[in-house]
Amino acid sequence: MASFGYLLCFCVLFLSSYWDKSCVYGARELANHQHVVNKKESLMHVASTACSASTKGLQIAHRYGPCSPLGQENPPPTFREILQRDQSRVRSLYSTPSSSDISNDESEVGAKLALHDKGNFVVQVGFGTPKQDLTLMFDTGSYMTWIQCLPCTNCYDQEEPIFDPSKSSTFSNPSCNTPTCPPYSIVYHDDSYTSGNYAKDTLTLSSTNVVHDFVFGCSKNNSATFGKVAGVLGVGQGDTSIMSQTLDNFGQEFCYCLPLRETSTGYLLFGIQAFETCSEPEISVPLITDLTGANHYFVKLVGITIGQKRLEISATGSLPSTIVDSGTIISRLPGSVYAELRSSFQELMSQYPKVDPDPLSLLDTCYDLSGYDDNIDNIVSPMTLHFGDSKDLKLDPSAVVSQDSNSQTVCLAFAGNDNSDDLTIIGNHQQRNLKIYYSMLDKIVGFSTGGCGN
């Protein structure tokens, strides 16, 4: 009987060791073959639970992935719901006013701004002394940082405890002539809202990057549509943006890399760290000043090549037509350019079975790759974005298509604008795995391929 016990223990240990090695091997294979379309079930399991974290700067995580500090939202939104929310955000970007349009009177309805409630990427920063870590949505399209604060008249449930100013020795109100110091009110395009008062406190980005007297929105009244995040980290341009407030700290330089998959993290760097990591980009393009004060990051995109066909893009009206936006998922193109891109993509994908598009989905050109074991690099043609001054950025095939993780269907990851004067937007799906460097002093945006180094 004892011999049987020893044999049983040996079998358990052997199987346990074998399973551990299989999981490690599976994870390694997933990393080495990140573009394989027809994934094995075991690898799908590893991908759904494992997280490979970056060691650089602030970690940027996909909001709904295993790397998120928020955990798994239950139930997470469907692929269709995410794209529908993306469309809502884009509609608001078309009419986003400047930072000066935010209402400073809580009795008034503030400016309707770009949708933030379902932002794709989150970062964790510290507020107050001692610092309290809070998870915020990362957004280059927002010029204001806000968090929920106590006492709160109408706050939603967030992942971490709501920030309590009374427990911070460095909290204060900005100089003002009213007892509660200037109120603010923001209404987003989907009628979600936040309102409260401006406040000052210490913002901790890392042990070596601490911003004193950082001005932010201390929110006391919010709609219950922001999920589990504590607020928004606004990295756009504007008087209240983190970039405007940290000129002496960071020299108006920052860099980020959005992770390719939900199972890894990217990074967000400021100042000297951004300079050391990202200041020698493969290409750098001029950052164009927007005279309307809309606070976006404008660049000059003049064309796109897919396969062997180049499609030209021309600016319409008197404004620069293209923005780089971390909060938009799917890139938007002028309607005529998108029609040409779709036609060229269909020709290149003609040997694969086409899927009838979901009438409620943003993506209208899809293919079923079930049964195809080829690397997606061998299926989808690469794409090149052409900027002014003959600056070219080559995108990986994974940036050309989007795939629902629950199926083997891939779709062209672009959409067309309805109106000729709508903004062209380089969305985050096309930005993933790129190092993107912003220098407001040099007035450039730099792009480098090669990944986030996870």
Protein backbone atom coordinates (compact mmCIF):
# COMPACT_ATOMS: atom_id res chain seq x y z
CA MET A 1 0.00 0.00 0.00
CA ALA A 2 2.95 2.33 0.83
CA SER A 3 4.48 1.59 -2.56
CA PHE A 4 1.21 2.57 -4.20
CA GLY A 5 1.26 5.84 -2.23
CA TYR A 6 4.78 6.65 -3.38
CA LEU A 7 3.82 5.81 -6.97
CA LEU A 8 0.74 8.07 -6.74
CA CYS A 9 2.84 10.96 -5.38
CA PHE A 10 5.39 10.47 -8.14
CA CYS A 11 2.64 10.57 -10.79
CA VAL A 12 1.12 13.72 -9.33
CA LEU A 13 4.50 15.45 -9.17
CA PHE A 14 5.36 14.35 -12.71
CA LEU A 15 2.05 15.53 -14.12
CA SER A 16 2.29 18.79 -12.18
CA SER A 17 5.79 19.41 -13.52
CA TYR A 18 4.72 18.50 -17.03
CA TRP A 19 1.71 20.85 -16.84
CA ASP A 20 3.87 23.72 -15.57
CA LYS A 21 6.36 23.19 -18.40
CA SER A 22 3.51 22.95 -20.88
CA CYS A 23 2.08 26.27 -19.65
CA VAL A 24 5.50 27.95 -19.86
CA TYR A 25 6.08 26.48 -23.29
CA GLY A 26 2.60 27.54 -24.40
CA ALA A 27 3.14 31.09 -23.17
CA ARG A 28 6.53 31.21 -24.93
CA GLU A 29 5.00 29.97 -28.14
CA LEU A 30 2.25 32.58 -27.88
CA ALA A 31 4.84 35.32 -27.52
CA ASN A 32 6.93 34.01 -30.43
CA HIS A 33 3.93 33.56 -32.73
CA GLN A 34 1.83 36.55 -31.76
CA HIS A 35 0.21 36.85 -35.19
CA VAL A 36 -0.98 33.25 -35.59
CA VAL A 37 -4.67 33.42 -36.41
CA ASN A 38 -5.81 29.87 -35.74
CA LYS A 39 -4.80 29.56 -32.05
CA LYS A 40 -4.90 26.31 -30.11
CA GLU A 41 -7.30 26.09 -27.19
CA SER A 42 -4.50 25.69 -24.65
CA LEU A 43 -2.82 28.86 -25.85
CA MET A 44 -6.11 30.72 -25.72
CA HIS A 45 -6.35 29.71 -22.05
CA VAL A 46 -2.84 30.96 -21.31
CA ALA A 47 -3.56 34.22 -23.14
CA SER A 48 -6.67 34.83 -21.07
CA THR A 49 -4.91 34.60 -17.69
CA ALA A 50 -1.22 35.50 -18.08
CA CYS A 51 0.23 39.02 -17.99
CA SER A 52 3.63 40.14 -19.24
CA ALA A 53 4.45 43.48 -17.60
CA SER A 54 6.73 46.21 -18.90
CA THR A 55 9.54 47.42 -16.65
CA LYS A 56 9.51 50.98 -18.01
CA GLY A 57 7.77 53.99 -16.47
CA LEU A 58 4.05 53.98 -15.80
CA GLN A 59 2.49 50.77 -17.05
CA ILE A 60 -0.29 51.18 -19.61
CA ALA A 61 -2.72 48.27 -19.55
CA HIS A 62 -5.71 47.35 -21.65
CA ARG A 63 -8.73 48.14 -19.52
CA TYR A 64 -10.42 44.75 -19.97
CA GLY A 65 -7.35 42.50 -19.94
CA PRO A 66 -5.62 40.48 -17.19
CA CYS A 67 -2.97 43.20 -16.76
CA SER A 68 -5.52 45.84 -15.76
CA PRO A 69 -5.42 47.05 -12.13
CA LEU A 70 -9.21 47.05 -12.37
CA GLY A 71 -9.46 43.29 -12.65
CA GLN A 72 -12.04 41.75 -14.94
CA GLU A 73 -15.18 43.81 -15.37
CA ASN A 74 -18.14 41.45 -15.16
CA PRO A 75 -19.49 41.08 -17.67
CA PRO A 76 -16.95 42.73 -19.98
CA PRO A 77 -18.36 44.60 -22.99
CA THR A 78 -18.73 42.69 -26.23
CA PHE A 79 -16.62 43.52 -29.27
CA ARG A 80 -19.67 45.16 -30.85
CA GLU A 81 -20.32 47.29 -27.77
CA ILE A 82 -16.71 48.48 -27.69
CA LEU A 83 -16.92 49.56 -31.32
CA GLN A 84 -20.25 51.29 -30.76
CA ARG A 85 -18.72 53.29 -27.92
CA ASP A 86 -15.78 54.09 -30.17
CA GLN A 87 -18.16 55.57 -32.72
CA SER A 88 -19.76 57.73 -30.01
CA ARG A 89 -16.38 59.10 -29.03
CA VAL A 90 -15.48 59.92 -32.62
CA ARG A 91 -18.73 61.80 -33.14
CA SER A 92 -17.87 63.99 -30.19
CA LEU A 93 -14.30 64.56 -31.41
CA TYR A 94 -15.73 66.07 -34.57
CA SER A 95 -17.21 68.86 -32.49
CA THR A 96 -14.93 68.99 -29.44
CA PRO A 97 -14.49 72.55 -28.19
CA SER A 98 -11.37 74.00 -26.60
CA SER A 99 -10.47 73.83 -22.91
CA SER A 100 -11.75 77.36 -22.47
CA ASP A 101 -15.25 76.07 -23.22
CA ILE A 102 -15.49 74.00 -20.03
CA SER A 103 -18.18 75.45 -17.83
CA ASN A 104 -16.97 76.95 -14.55
CA ASP A 105 -20.49 77.08 -13.21
CA GLU A 106 -22.02 73.87 -11.89
CA SER A 107 -25.48 75.30 -12.55
CA GLU A 108 -24.68 75.36 -16.25
CA VAL A 109 -24.23 72.43 -18.59
CA GLY A 110 -20.56 72.24 -19.56
CA ALA A 111 -19.14 71.65 -23.00
CA LYS A 112 -19.90 68.31 -24.60
CA LEU A 113 -16.54 66.62 -24.91
CA ALA A 114 -15.08 63.45 -26.32
CA LEU A 115 -16.42 60.25 -24.76
CA HIS A 116 -14.19 58.89 -22.00
CA ASP A 117 -16.35 56.41 -20.17
CA LYS A 118 -15.10 53.36 -22.04
CA GLY A 119 -11.47 54.31 -22.71
CA ASN A 120 -9.34 51.37 -23.76
CA PHE A 121 -6.14 51.95 -21.79
CA VAL A 122 -5.53 52.73 -18.12
CA VAL A 123 -2.60 53.82 -15.94
CA GLN A 124 -2.15 53.92 -12.17
CA VAL A 125 -0.86 57.10 -10.51
CA GLY A 126 -0.71 58.44 -6.96
CA PHE A 127 -2.57 61.42 -5.49
CA GLY A 128 -1.92 63.17 -2.17
CA THR A 129 0.48 62.72 0.75
CA PRO A 130 0.72 59.92 1.64
CA LYS A 131 -0.13 58.94 -1.91
CA GLN A 132 -3.18 56.95 -2.79
CA ASP A 133 -2.85 54.91 -5.99
CA LEU A 134 -5.74 55.41 -8.41
CA THR A 135 -6.42 53.88 -11.81
CA LEU A 136 -7.25 56.45 -14.49
CA MET A 137 -8.10 56.34 -18.17
CA PHE A 138 -5.14 57.45 -20.31
CA ASP A 139 -6.24 59.90 -22.98
CA THR A 140 -4.27 62.16 -25.32
CA GLY A 141 -7.58 63.66 -26.41
CA SER A 142 -8.38 65.10 -22.96
CA TYR A 143 -6.83 68.25 -21.57
CA MET A 144 -8.06 67.85 -18.00
CA THR A 145 -7.33 65.32 -15.25
CA TRP A 146 -10.09 64.57 -12.76
CA ILE A 147 -10.76 62.05 -10.00
CA GLN A 148 -13.66 61.33 -7.68
CA CYS A 149 -13.28 62.96 -4.26
CA LEU A 150 -14.93 62.75 -0.86
CA PRO A 151 -17.31 64.03 0.37
CA CYS A 152 -19.24 62.97 -2.70
CA THR A 153 -22.87 63.81 -3.37
CA ASN A 154 -23.23 61.40 -6.30
CA CYS A 155 -20.28 59.09 -7.00
CA TYR A 156 -20.15 55.74 -8.76
CA ASP A 157 -18.43 52.59 -7.48
CA GLN A 158 -14.76 52.55 -8.47
CA GLU A 159 -12.12 49.85 -7.96
CA GLU A 160 -9.99 51.68 -5.36
CA PRO A 161 -11.31 53.72 -2.40
CA ILE A 162 -12.45 57.21 -3.42
CA PHE A 163 -9.80 59.86 -2.77
CA ASP A 164 -10.26 61.60 0.59
CA PRO A 165 -8.67 65.10 0.57
CA SER A 166 -8.86 65.31 4.37
CA LYS A 167 -6.27 62.52 4.62
CA SER A 168 -3.73 64.31 2.41
CA SER A 169 -1.37 66.79 4.08
CA THR A 170 -0.64 68.50 0.75
CA PHE A 171 -4.20 69.06 -0.50
CA SER A 172 -5.33 72.64 -1.14
CA ASN A 173 -7.64 74.74 -3.26
CA PRO A 174 -6.24 76.94 -6.03
CA SER A 175 -6.24 80.67 -5.35
CA CYS A 176 -9.73 82.01 -5.85
CA ASN A 177 -12.33 84.34 -4.44
CA THR A 178 -15.05 81.82 -3.67
CA PRO A 179 -15.33 79.51 -0.65
CA THR A 180 -15.39 76.34 -2.75
CA CYS A 181 -12.89 77.54 -5.43
CA PRO A 182 -13.80 77.37 -9.03
CA PRO A 183 -16.31 74.71 -9.97
CA TYR A 184 -16.17 72.83 -13.24
CA SER A 185 -18.72 70.81 -15.17
CA ILE A 186 -18.12 68.49 -18.12
CA VAL A 187 -20.82 66.70 -20.11
CA TYR A 188 -19.70 64.01 -22.53
CA HIS A 189 -21.28 63.18 -25.86
CA ASP A 190 -23.30 60.25 -24.46
CA ASP A 191 -24.68 62.58 -21.74
CA SER A 192 -22.47 61.10 -19.05
CA TYR A 193 -21.07 63.88 -16.86
CA THR A 194 -18.70 64.90 -14.11
CA SER A 195 -18.67 68.05 -11.99
CA GLY A 196 -16.92 69.34 -8.90
CA ASN A 197 -14.19 71.82 -8.00
CA TYR A 198 -10.63 72.42 -9.06
CA ALA A 199 -8.08 71.37 -6.44
CA LYS A 200 -4.32 71.09 -5.88
CA ASP A 201 -2.32 68.18 -4.54
CA THR A 202 0.79 66.14 -5.15
CA LEU A 203 0.72 63.86 -8.20
CA THR A 204 3.12 60.90 -8.01
CA LEU A 205 3.98 59.28 -11.33
CA SER A 206 6.97 57.33 -9.96
CA SER A 207 9.41 57.51 -7.07
CA THR A 208 11.47 60.04 -9.03
CA ASN A 209 8.65 61.87 -10.84
CA VAL A 210 6.58 63.82 -8.34
CA VAL A 211 4.55 66.87 -9.35
CA HIS A 212 3.72 69.27 -6.52
CA ASP A 213 0.66 71.55 -6.58
CA PHE A 214 -0.87 69.70 -9.50
CA VAL A 215 -4.25 71.20 -10.45
CA PHE A 216 -7.01 68.68 -11.19
CA GLY A 217 -10.76 68.27 -11.01
CA CYS A 218 -12.01 67.01 -7.65
CA SER A 219 -15.25 65.43 -8.80
CA LYS A 220 -18.27 65.29 -6.48
CA ASN A 221 -21.12 64.54 -8.90
CA ASN A 222 -20.88 61.92 -11.65
CA SER A 223 -23.01 59.68 -13.79
CA ALA A 224 -22.66 55.95 -13.18
CA THR A 225 -21.14 55.27 -16.62
CA PHE A 226 -17.39 55.33 -16.03
CA GLY A 227 -16.93 51.72 -14.93
CA LYS A 228 -14.35 51.06 -12.22
CA VAL A 229 -11.83 53.79 -13.04
CA ALA A 230 -11.28 56.66 -10.62
CA GLY A 231 -11.18 59.30 -13.36
CA VAL A 232 -9.19 60.51 -16.39
CA LEU A 233 -5.51 61.36 -16.89
CA GLY A 234 -5.62 64.15 -19.48
CA VAL A 235 -2.47 64.22 -21.62
CA GLY A 236 -3.81 66.47 -24.35
CA GLN A 237 -2.89 70.09 -24.91
CA GLY A 238 -4.52 72.83 -22.85
CA ASP A 239 -4.01 75.03 -19.80
CA THR A 240 -5.09 72.33 -17.34
CA SER A 241 -3.32 69.42 -19.09
CA ILE A 242 -0.57 67.58 -17.27
CA MET A 243 1.82 68.67 -20.04
CA SER A 244 1.09 72.36 -19.52
CA GLN A 245 1.51 72.06 -15.75
CA THR A 246 4.84 70.21 -15.86
CA LEU A 247 6.94 72.39 -18.16
CA ASP A 248 9.67 72.73 -15.52
CA ASN A 249 9.49 69.02 -14.61
CA PHE A 250 9.31 67.37 -18.00
CA GLY A 251 10.02 70.00 -20.64
CA GLN A 252 6.73 69.15 -22.36
CA GLU A 253 7.98 65.77 -23.55
CA PHE A 254 6.27 62.41 -23.17
CA CYS A 255 6.29 59.03 -24.85
CA TYR A 256 4.06 55.98 -24.76
CA CYS A 257 3.81 52.52 -26.21
CA LEU A 258 0.41 50.83 -26.25
CA PRO A 259 0.59 47.04 -25.76
CA LEU A 260 -0.12 44.83 -28.75
CA ARG A 261 -2.31 42.45 -26.78
CA GLU A 262 -4.39 42.46 -23.61
CA THR A 263 -1.91 40.04 -22.00
CA SER A 264 0.94 42.57 -21.86
CA THR A 265 1.49 46.14 -20.72
CA GLY A 266 2.99 49.13 -22.44
CA TYR A 267 4.44 52.23 -20.83
CA LEU A 268 4.03 55.98 -20.39
CA LEU A 269 7.16 58.09 -19.86
CA PHE A 270 7.68 61.78 -19.15
CA GLY A 271 10.60 64.18 -19.37
CA ILE A 272 14.14 62.78 -19.36
CA GLN A 273 12.87 59.18 -19.37
CA ALA A 274 10.83 59.90 -22.48
CA PHE A 275 13.84 61.61 -24.07
CA GLU A 276 16.22 58.76 -23.30
CA THR A 277 13.82 56.07 -24.51
CA CYS A 278 12.10 57.67 -27.48
CA SER A 279 13.89 60.84 -28.66
CA GLU A 280 15.56 59.17 -31.66
CA PRO A 281 12.48 57.96 -33.53
CA GLU A 282 12.63 56.24 -36.90
CA ILE A 283 10.58 59.10 -38.30
CA SER A 284 9.52 62.44 -36.84
CA VAL A 285 6.74 64.56 -38.28
CA PRO A 286 5.81 68.16 -37.49
CA LEU A 287 3.24 68.75 -34.77
CA ILE A 288 0.81 71.19 -36.34
CA THR A 289 -0.70 73.94 -34.23
CA ASP A 290 -4.48 74.03 -34.29
CA LEU A 291 -5.61 77.64 -34.31
CA THR A 292 -9.07 76.75 -32.97
CA GLY A 293 -7.60 75.61 -29.66
CA ALA A 294 -9.17 72.14 -29.85
CA ASN A 295 -6.12 70.73 -27.99
CA HIS A 296 -5.58 67.70 -30.22
CA TYR A 297 -2.24 66.52 -31.62
CA PHE A 298 -2.41 67.32 -35.33
CA VAL A 299 -0.10 65.86 -37.99
CA LYS A 300 -0.12 65.91 -41.77
CA LEU A 301 -1.09 62.50 -43.18
CA VAL A 302 -0.89 62.66 -46.97
CA GLY A 303 -1.35 59.05 -48.09
CA ILE A 304 -1.66 55.34 -47.37
CA THR A 305 -0.17 52.40 -49.24
CA ILE A 306 -1.56 48.88 -48.95
CA GLY A 307 -0.01 46.19 -51.08
CA GLN A 308 1.30 48.08 -54.09
CA LYS A 309 -1.40 50.73 -54.25
CA ARG A 310 -0.98 54.22 -52.84
CA LEU A 311 -4.04 56.24 -51.84
CA GLU A 312 -3.74 60.00 -51.52
CA ILE A 313 -5.24 62.01 -48.66
CA SER A 314 -5.72 65.76 -48.92
CA ALA A 315 -6.67 68.15 -46.14
CA THR A 316 -10.10 69.73 -46.42
CA GLY A 317 -11.04 73.23 -45.38
CA SER A 318 -8.60 75.49 -43.54
CA LEU A 319 -7.64 73.10 -40.71
CA PRO A 320 -5.12 70.27 -40.46
CA SER A 321 -7.15 67.14 -41.00
CA THR A 322 -5.42 64.36 -39.01
CA ILE A 323 -5.09 63.82 -35.26
CA VAL A 324 -3.24 61.15 -33.28
CA ASP A 325 -5.65 59.99 -30.58
CA SER A 326 -5.07 57.30 -27.95
CA GLY A 327 -8.76 57.12 -27.03
CA THR A 328 -10.15 56.25 -30.46
CA ILE A 329 -9.82 52.57 -31.39
CA ILE A 330 -10.43 52.35 -35.14
CA SER A 331 -8.75 54.87 -37.44
CA ARG A 332 -11.07 57.10 -39.44
CA LEU A 333 -10.42 58.15 -43.04
CA PRO A 334 -12.17 60.45 -45.50
CA GLY A 335 -15.06 58.52 -47.04
CA SER A 336 -13.59 58.41 -50.55
CA VAL A 337 -10.18 57.26 -49.28
CA TYR A 338 -11.76 54.53 -47.16
CA ALA A 339 -13.77 53.31 -50.17
CA GLU A 340 -10.53 52.93 -52.15
CA LEU A 341 -8.78 51.24 -49.24
CA ARG A 342 -11.64 48.79 -48.80
CA SER A 343 -11.61 47.95 -52.51
CA SER A 344 -7.85 47.34 -52.49
CA PHE A 345 -8.11 45.22 -49.33
CA GLN A 346 -10.88 43.12 -50.88
CA GLU A 347 -8.70 42.41 -53.91
CA LEU A 348 -5.80 41.34 -51.69
CA MET A 349 -8.08 39.08 -49.60
CA SER A 350 -10.08 37.62 -52.50
CA GLN A 351 -8.90 34.03 -51.87
CA TYR A 352 -10.42 33.98 -48.36
CA PRO A 353 -14.13 33.52 -47.57
CA LYS A 354 -15.90 36.81 -46.94
CA VAL A 355 -18.21 37.25 -43.96
CA ASP A 356 -21.40 39.27 -44.13
CA PRO A 357 -20.83 42.28 -41.88
CA ASP A 358 -22.81 42.79 -38.71
CA PRO A 359 -25.24 45.62 -39.60
CA LEU A 360 -24.70 47.08 -36.13
CA SER A 361 -20.91 46.91 -36.30
CA LEU A 362 -18.56 49.69 -37.30
CA LEU A 363 -16.41 47.28 -39.36
CA ASP A 364 -17.87 46.34 -42.74
CA THR A 365 -15.16 44.28 -44.50
CA CYS A 366 -14.53 40.94 -42.79
CA TYR A 367 -13.15 37.48 -43.62
CA ASP A 368 -13.36 34.05 -42.00
CA LEU A 369 -9.89 32.56 -41.49
CA SER A 370 -11.06 29.34 -39.82
CA GLY A 371 -8.87 26.46 -40.96
CA TYR A 372 -6.03 28.68 -42.14
CA ASP A 373 -2.89 28.02 -40.16
CA ASP A 374 -0.75 30.64 -41.87
CA ASN A 375 0.86 33.42 -39.93
CA ILE A 376 -1.26 36.53 -40.40
CA ASP A 377 1.82 38.21 -41.91
CA ASN A 378 1.36 35.83 -44.83
CA ILE A 379 -2.34 36.66 -45.16
CA VAL A 380 -2.64 40.41 -44.70
CA SER A 381 -0.52 42.86 -46.66
CA PRO A 382 1.45 45.42 -44.65
CA MET A 383 0.50 49.07 -44.78
CA THR A 384 2.50 52.28 -44.92
CA LEU A 385 1.31 55.66 -43.63
CA HIS A 386 2.77 58.56 -45.60
CA PHE A 387 3.28 61.86 -43.81
CA GLY A 388 4.44 65.19 -45.18
CA ASP A 389 8.11 65.66 -46.17
CA SER A 390 8.24 62.05 -47.44
CA LYS A 391 8.16 60.51 -43.96
CA ASP A 392 6.85 56.92 -44.09
CA LEU A 393 5.68 54.70 -41.22
CA LYS A 394 5.32 50.99 -41.94
CA LEU A 395 2.57 49.25 -39.98
CA ASP A 396 2.55 45.59 -39.05
CA PRO A 397 -0.22 43.49 -40.68
CA SER A 398 -1.79 43.12 -37.22
CA ALA A 399 -2.48 46.88 -37.32
CA VAL A 400 -4.37 46.53 -40.60
CA VAL A 401 -7.03 44.12 -39.30
CA SER A 402 -8.94 43.67 -36.07
CA GLN A 403 -10.01 40.29 -34.69
CA ASP A 404 -12.70 39.42 -32.20
CA SER A 405 -10.98 37.14 -29.68
CA ASN A 406 -14.04 34.86 -29.70
CA SER A 407 -13.85 34.01 -33.41
CA GLN A 408 -11.53 33.52 -36.37
CA THR A 409 -13.02 36.49 -38.20
CA VAL A 410 -10.73 39.39 -39.08
CA CYS A 411 -11.97 42.77 -40.30
CA LEU A 412 -10.33 45.74 -41.96
CA ALA A 413 -9.57 47.99 -38.96
CA PHE A 414 -10.51 51.30 -40.57
CA ALA A 415 -13.75 53.18 -41.06
CA GLY A 416 -14.91 55.99 -43.32
CA ASN A 417 -16.12 59.42 -42.25
CA ASP A 418 -19.59 60.55 -43.21
CA ASN A 419 -18.72 64.19 -43.88
CA SER A 420 -15.90 65.68 -45.92
CA ASP A 421 -14.81 68.02 -43.13
CA ASP A 422 -14.64 65.31 -40.42
CA LEU A 423 -11.27 64.72 -38.81
CA THR A 424 -9.00 61.96 -40.03
CA ILE A 425 -7.97 60.03 -36.91
CA ILE A 426 -5.04 57.68 -36.31
CA GLY A 427 -6.59 55.44 -33.66
CA ASN A 428 -5.00 53.25 -31.02
CA HIS A 429 -5.35 50.01 -32.97
CA GLN A 430 -2.86 51.39 -35.49
CA GLN A 431 -0.68 52.81 -32.68
CA ARG A 432 -0.19 49.57 -30.77
CA ASN A 433 3.38 48.33 -30.42
CA LEU A 434 4.74 51.67 -31.65
CA LYS A 435 6.86 54.02 -29.56
CA ILE A 436 5.23 57.43 -29.99
CA TYR A 437 7.18 60.47 -28.81
CA TYR A 438 5.74 63.96 -28.34
CA SER A 439 7.83 67.10 -27.91
CA MET A 440 5.82 70.29 -27.70
CA LEU A 441 8.99 72.40 -27.58
CA ASP A 442 10.41 70.87 -30.76
CA LYS A 443 6.88 70.61 -32.18
CA ILE A 444 7.27 67.02 -33.38
CA VAL A 445 5.63 63.63 -33.04
CA GLY A 446 8.02 60.71 -33.48
CA PHE A 447 7.19 57.10 -34.39
CA SER A 448 9.33 53.99 -33.94
CA THR A 449 8.53 50.34 -34.59
CA GLY A 450 9.88 47.40 -32.63
CA GLY A 451 7.40 46.97 -29.82
CA CYS A 452 7.10 47.90 -26.17
CA GLY A 453 9.91 45.61 -25.03
CA ASN A 454 7.69 43.23 -23.04
